[in-house]
Amino acid sequence: MHGLPGGGKTYVANLFLKFLREKNLNNYVLRVHFQEFMSMVHDQVNRLRKKKSNNPLDIVGKELSKKYKLICFDELEIIDIADAMIVSKLFSILLEKKISFIITSNFKPNELYKYGLQREQFIPFIEILKKKNVFN
């Protein structure tokens, strides 16, 4: 869901998650602010790199897919090239593992990371969002 700040996107997402809790279907659901999620991913990637792990994003994606079947991101916003590249790769991994998403953002997919460095490398992620109907 995308739209102007204060438009009710977070409220609607929270209503859906409340419904899941009431039906006892929230055991495999992660609800997190997007920037908090990215901080967590950066920490995990750094931890894995210190252990000399190959493909740390693959490992992070595998760990997430073992715990969650639905991930709800509040306020998706891409502000730097590192996040743009990580998000692009990690989403691809999670979608391959059949993880579903609920995403709120103040930006339409085409407006994400609009003037960012090497944005052309981020365009495939935007196309994934459109193709998978992650944004509606």
C-alpha atoms as a PDB file:
ATOM      1  CA  MET A   1       0.000   0.000   0.000  1.00  0.00           C
ATOM      2  CA  HIS A   2       1.325   3.408  -0.819  1.00  0.00           C
ATOM      3  CA  GLY A   3       0.017   6.878  -0.282  1.00  0.00           C
ATOM      4  CA  LEU A   4       0.458  10.123   1.558  1.00  0.00           C
ATOM      5  CA  PRO A   5       1.574  10.169   5.195  1.00  0.00           C
ATOM      6  CA  GLY A   6      -1.394   9.899   7.531  1.00  0.00           C
ATOM      7  CA  GLY A   7      -3.546   8.161   4.929  1.00  0.00           C
ATOM      8  CA  GLY A   8      -4.208   5.056   7.028  1.00  0.00           C
ATOM      9  CA  LYS A   9      -1.784   2.565   5.459  1.00  0.00           C
ATOM     10  CA  THR A  10      -0.289   1.453   8.762  1.00  0.00           C
ATOM     11  CA  TYR A  11      -3.740   1.307  10.316  1.00  0.00           C
ATOM     12  CA  VAL A  12      -5.027  -1.024   7.587  1.00  0.00           C
ATOM     13  CA  ALA A  13      -1.951  -3.259   7.842  1.00  0.00           C
ATOM     14  CA  ASN A  14      -2.344  -3.407  11.621  1.00  0.00           C
ATOM     15  CA  LEU A  15      -6.025  -4.347  11.254  1.00  0.00           C
ATOM     16  CA  PHE A  16      -5.061  -7.283   9.063  1.00  0.00           C
ATOM     17  CA  LEU A  17      -2.395  -8.384  11.532  1.00  0.00           C
ATOM     18  CA  LYS A  18      -4.894  -8.051  14.383  1.00  0.00           C
ATOM     19  CA  PHE A  19      -7.240 -10.352  12.443  1.00  0.00           C
ATOM     20  CA  LEU A  20      -4.426 -12.902  12.115  1.00  0.00           C
ATOM     21  CA  ARG A  21      -3.752 -12.722  15.866  1.00  0.00           C
ATOM     22  CA  GLU A  22      -7.441 -13.196  16.664  1.00  0.00           C
ATOM     23  CA  LYS A  23      -7.531 -16.276  14.428  1.00  0.00           C
ATOM     24  CA  ASN A  24      -4.269 -17.506  15.990  1.00  0.00           C
ATOM     25  CA  LEU A  25      -2.563 -17.316  12.604  1.00  0.00           C
ATOM     26  CA  ASN A  26       0.261 -14.974  13.528  1.00  0.00           C
ATOM     27  CA  ASN A  27       2.877 -17.518  14.615  1.00  0.00           C
ATOM     28  CA  TYR A  28       4.954 -16.992  11.489  1.00  0.00           C
ATOM     29  CA  VAL A  29       4.431 -13.261  11.007  1.00  0.00           C
ATOM     30  CA  LEU A  30       7.047 -10.532  11.347  1.00  0.00           C
ATOM     31  CA  ARG A  31       5.770  -6.967  11.632  1.00  0.00           C
ATOM     32  CA  VAL A  32       8.575  -4.422  11.669  1.00  0.00           C
ATOM     33  CA  HIS A  33       9.371  -0.864  10.666  1.00  0.00           C
ATOM     34  CA  PHE A  34      11.433  -1.090   7.497  1.00  0.00           C
ATOM     35  CA  GLN A  35      14.433   0.882   8.788  1.00  0.00           C
ATOM     36  CA  GLU A  36      14.543  -1.328  11.894  1.00  0.00           C
ATOM     37  CA  PHE A  37      14.503  -4.393   9.634  1.00  0.00           C
ATOM     38  CA  MET A  38      17.367  -3.022   7.548  1.00  0.00           C
ATOM     39  CA  SER A  39      19.397  -2.346  10.686  1.00  0.00           C
ATOM     40  CA  MET A  40      18.824  -5.954  11.736  1.00  0.00           C
ATOM     41  CA  VAL A  41      19.860  -7.233   8.283  1.00  0.00           C
ATOM     42  CA  HIS A  42      23.031  -5.104   8.274  1.00  0.00           C
ATOM     43  CA  ASP A  43      23.939  -6.497  11.719  1.00  0.00           C
ATOM     44  CA  GLN A  44      23.395 -10.086  10.563  1.00  0.00           C
ATOM     45  CA  VAL A  45      25.358  -9.575   7.348  1.00  0.00           C
ATOM     46  CA  ASN A  46      28.251  -8.014   9.288  1.00  0.00           C
ATOM     47  CA  ARG A  47      28.198 -10.889  11.798  1.00  0.00           C
ATOM     48  CA  LEU A  48      28.293 -13.443   8.974  1.00  0.00           C
ATOM     49  CA  ARG A  49      31.091 -11.611   7.151  1.00  0.00           C
ATOM     50  CA  LYS A  50      33.210 -11.708  10.315  1.00  0.00           C
ATOM     51  CA  LYS A  51      32.731 -15.483  10.264  1.00  0.00           C
ATOM     52  CA  LYS A  52      33.920 -15.465   6.639  1.00  0.00           C
ATOM     53  CA  SER A  53      30.550 -16.777   5.437  1.00  0.00           C
ATOM     54  CA  ASN A  54      29.987 -16.954   1.722  1.00  0.00           C
ATOM     55  CA  ASN A  55      26.777 -15.327   0.486  1.00  0.00           C
ATOM     56  CA  PRO A  56      25.608 -13.799   3.783  1.00  0.00           C
ATOM     57  CA  LEU A  57      22.350 -12.556   2.238  1.00  0.00           C
ATOM     58  CA  ASP A  58      21.481 -16.108   1.217  1.00  0.00           C
ATOM     59  CA  ILE A  59      21.971 -17.183   4.827  1.00  0.00           C
ATOM     60  CA  VAL A  60      19.890 -14.273   6.166  1.00  0.00           C
ATOM     61  CA  GLY A  61      17.132 -15.110   3.677  1.00  0.00           C
ATOM     62  CA  LYS A  62      17.190 -18.767   4.679  1.00  0.00           C
ATOM     63  CA  GLU A  63      17.025 -17.879   8.395  1.00  0.00           C
ATOM     64  CA  LEU A  64      14.111 -15.512   7.826  1.00  0.00           C
ATOM     65  CA  SER A  65      12.211 -18.043   5.725  1.00  0.00           C
ATOM     66  CA  LYS A  66      12.518 -20.644   8.493  1.00  0.00           C
ATOM     67  CA  LYS A  67      10.891 -18.271  10.989  1.00  0.00           C
ATOM     68  CA  TYR A  68       8.345 -16.359   8.908  1.00  0.00           C
ATOM     69  CA  LYS A  69       5.806 -16.901   6.155  1.00  0.00           C
ATOM     70  CA  LEU A  70       4.542 -13.303   6.135  1.00  0.00           C
ATOM     71  CA  ILE A  71       6.613 -10.170   6.623  1.00  0.00           C
ATOM     72  CA  CYS A  72       4.916  -6.821   7.140  1.00  0.00           C
ATOM     73  CA  PHE A  73       7.138  -3.814   6.471  1.00  0.00           C
ATOM     74  CA  ASP A  74       5.917  -0.437   7.625  1.00  0.00           C
ATOM     75  CA  GLU A  75       7.228   2.604   5.745  1.00  0.00           C
ATOM     76  CA  LEU A  76       9.396   1.072   3.023  1.00  0.00           C
ATOM     77  CA  GLU A  77      11.883   3.703   1.943  1.00  0.00           C
ATOM     78  CA  ILE A  78      15.210   3.172   0.224  1.00  0.00           C
ATOM     79  CA  ILE A  79      17.682   5.930   1.031  1.00  0.00           C
ATOM     80  CA  ASP A  80      21.123   4.614   0.124  1.00  0.00           C
ATOM     81  CA  ILE A  81      22.812   2.344  -2.359  1.00  0.00           C
ATOM     82  CA  ALA A  82      23.709  -0.323   0.213  1.00  0.00           C
ATOM     83  CA  ASP A  83      20.061  -0.725   1.221  1.00  0.00           C
ATOM     84  CA  ALA A  84      18.980  -0.678  -2.421  1.00  0.00           C
ATOM     85  CA  MET A  85      21.292  -3.557  -3.325  1.00  0.00           C
ATOM     86  CA  ILE A  86      20.552  -5.557  -0.165  1.00  0.00           C
ATOM     87  CA  VAL A  87      16.790  -5.172  -0.522  1.00  0.00           C
ATOM     88  CA  SER A  88      16.866  -6.153  -4.166  1.00  0.00           C
ATOM     89  CA  LYS A  89      18.797  -9.362  -3.489  1.00  0.00           C
ATOM     90  CA  LEU A  90      17.056 -10.273  -0.217  1.00  0.00           C
ATOM     91  CA  PHE A  91      13.533  -9.809  -1.606  1.00  0.00           C
ATOM     92  CA  SER A  92      14.399 -12.062  -4.535  1.00  0.00           C
ATOM     93  CA  ILE A  93      15.596 -14.742  -2.123  1.00  0.00           C
ATOM     94  CA  LEU A  94      12.525 -14.438   0.107  1.00  0.00           C
ATOM     95  CA  LEU A  95      10.094 -14.490  -2.806  1.00  0.00           C
ATOM     96  CA  GLU A  96      11.774 -17.652  -4.115  1.00  0.00           C
ATOM     97  CA  LYS A  97      11.128 -19.165  -0.688  1.00  0.00           C
ATOM     98  CA  LYS A  98       7.427 -18.248  -0.995  1.00  0.00           C
ATOM     99  CA  ILE A  99       7.475 -15.555   1.693  1.00  0.00           C
ATOM    100  CA  SER A 100       4.534 -13.150   1.427  1.00  0.00           C
ATOM    101  CA  PHE A 101       4.692  -9.447   2.173  1.00  0.00           C
ATOM    102  CA  ILE A 102       2.496  -6.617   3.324  1.00  0.00           C
ATOM    103  CA  ILE A 103       4.251  -3.330   2.700  1.00  0.00           C
ATOM    104  CA  THR A 104       3.332   0.251   3.449  1.00  0.00           C
ATOM    105  CA  SER A 105       5.180   3.157   1.881  1.00  0.00           C
ATOM    106  CA  ASN A 106       4.770   6.843   1.231  1.00  0.00           C
ATOM    107  CA  PHE A 107       6.194   6.195  -2.243  1.00  0.00           C
ATOM    108  CA  LYS A 108       4.870   4.529  -5.375  1.00  0.00           C
ATOM    109  CA  PRO A 109       7.174   1.737  -6.565  1.00  0.00           C
ATOM    110  CA  ASN A 110       8.589   3.898  -9.382  1.00  0.00           C
ATOM    111  CA  GLU A 111       9.445   6.613  -6.848  1.00  0.00           C
ATOM    112  CA  LEU A 112      11.534   4.366  -4.606  1.00  0.00           C
ATOM    113  CA  TYR A 113      15.198   5.383  -4.587  1.00  0.00           C
ATOM    114  CA  LYS A 114      14.243   7.777  -7.389  1.00  0.00           C
ATOM    115  CA  TYR A 115      17.448   9.802  -7.578  1.00  0.00           C
ATOM    116  CA  GLY A 116      19.781   7.257  -6.009  1.00  0.00           C
ATOM    117  CA  LEU A 117      23.233   6.286  -7.195  1.00  0.00           C
ATOM    118  CA  GLN A 118      23.247   3.423  -9.683  1.00  0.00           C
ATOM    119  CA  ARG A 119      19.448   3.357  -9.599  1.00  0.00           C
ATOM    120  CA  GLU A 120      19.439   1.327 -12.802  1.00  0.00           C
ATOM    121  CA  GLN A 121      20.618  -1.635 -10.694  1.00  0.00           C
ATOM    122  CA  PHE A 122      17.554  -1.157  -8.473  1.00  0.00           C
ATOM    123  CA  ILE A 123      15.011  -1.107 -11.321  1.00  0.00           C
ATOM    124  CA  PRO A 124      14.692  -4.933 -11.422  1.00  0.00           C
ATOM    125  CA  PHE A 125      13.524  -4.830  -7.792  1.00  0.00           C
ATOM    126  CA  ILE A 126      10.861  -2.265  -8.687  1.00  0.00           C
ATOM    127  CA  GLU A 127       9.723  -4.544 -11.497  1.00  0.00           C
ATOM    128  CA  ILE A 128       9.503  -7.443  -9.032  1.00  0.00           C
ATOM    129  CA  LEU A 129       7.290  -5.323  -6.781  1.00  0.00           C
ATOM    130  CA  LYS A 130       4.999  -4.548  -9.694  1.00  0.00           C
ATOM    131  CA  LYS A 131       4.951  -8.104 -11.043  1.00  0.00           C
ATOM    132  CA  LYS A 132       4.280  -9.726  -7.677  1.00  0.00           C
ATOM    133  CA  ASN A 133       1.659  -7.109  -6.816  1.00  0.00           C
ATOM    134  CA  VAL A 134       3.510  -6.272  -3.649  1.00  0.00           C
ATOM    135  CA  PHE A 135       2.201  -2.722  -4.025  1.00  0.00           C
ATOM    136  CA  ASN A 136      -1.450  -2.037  -4.771  1.00  0.00           C
END
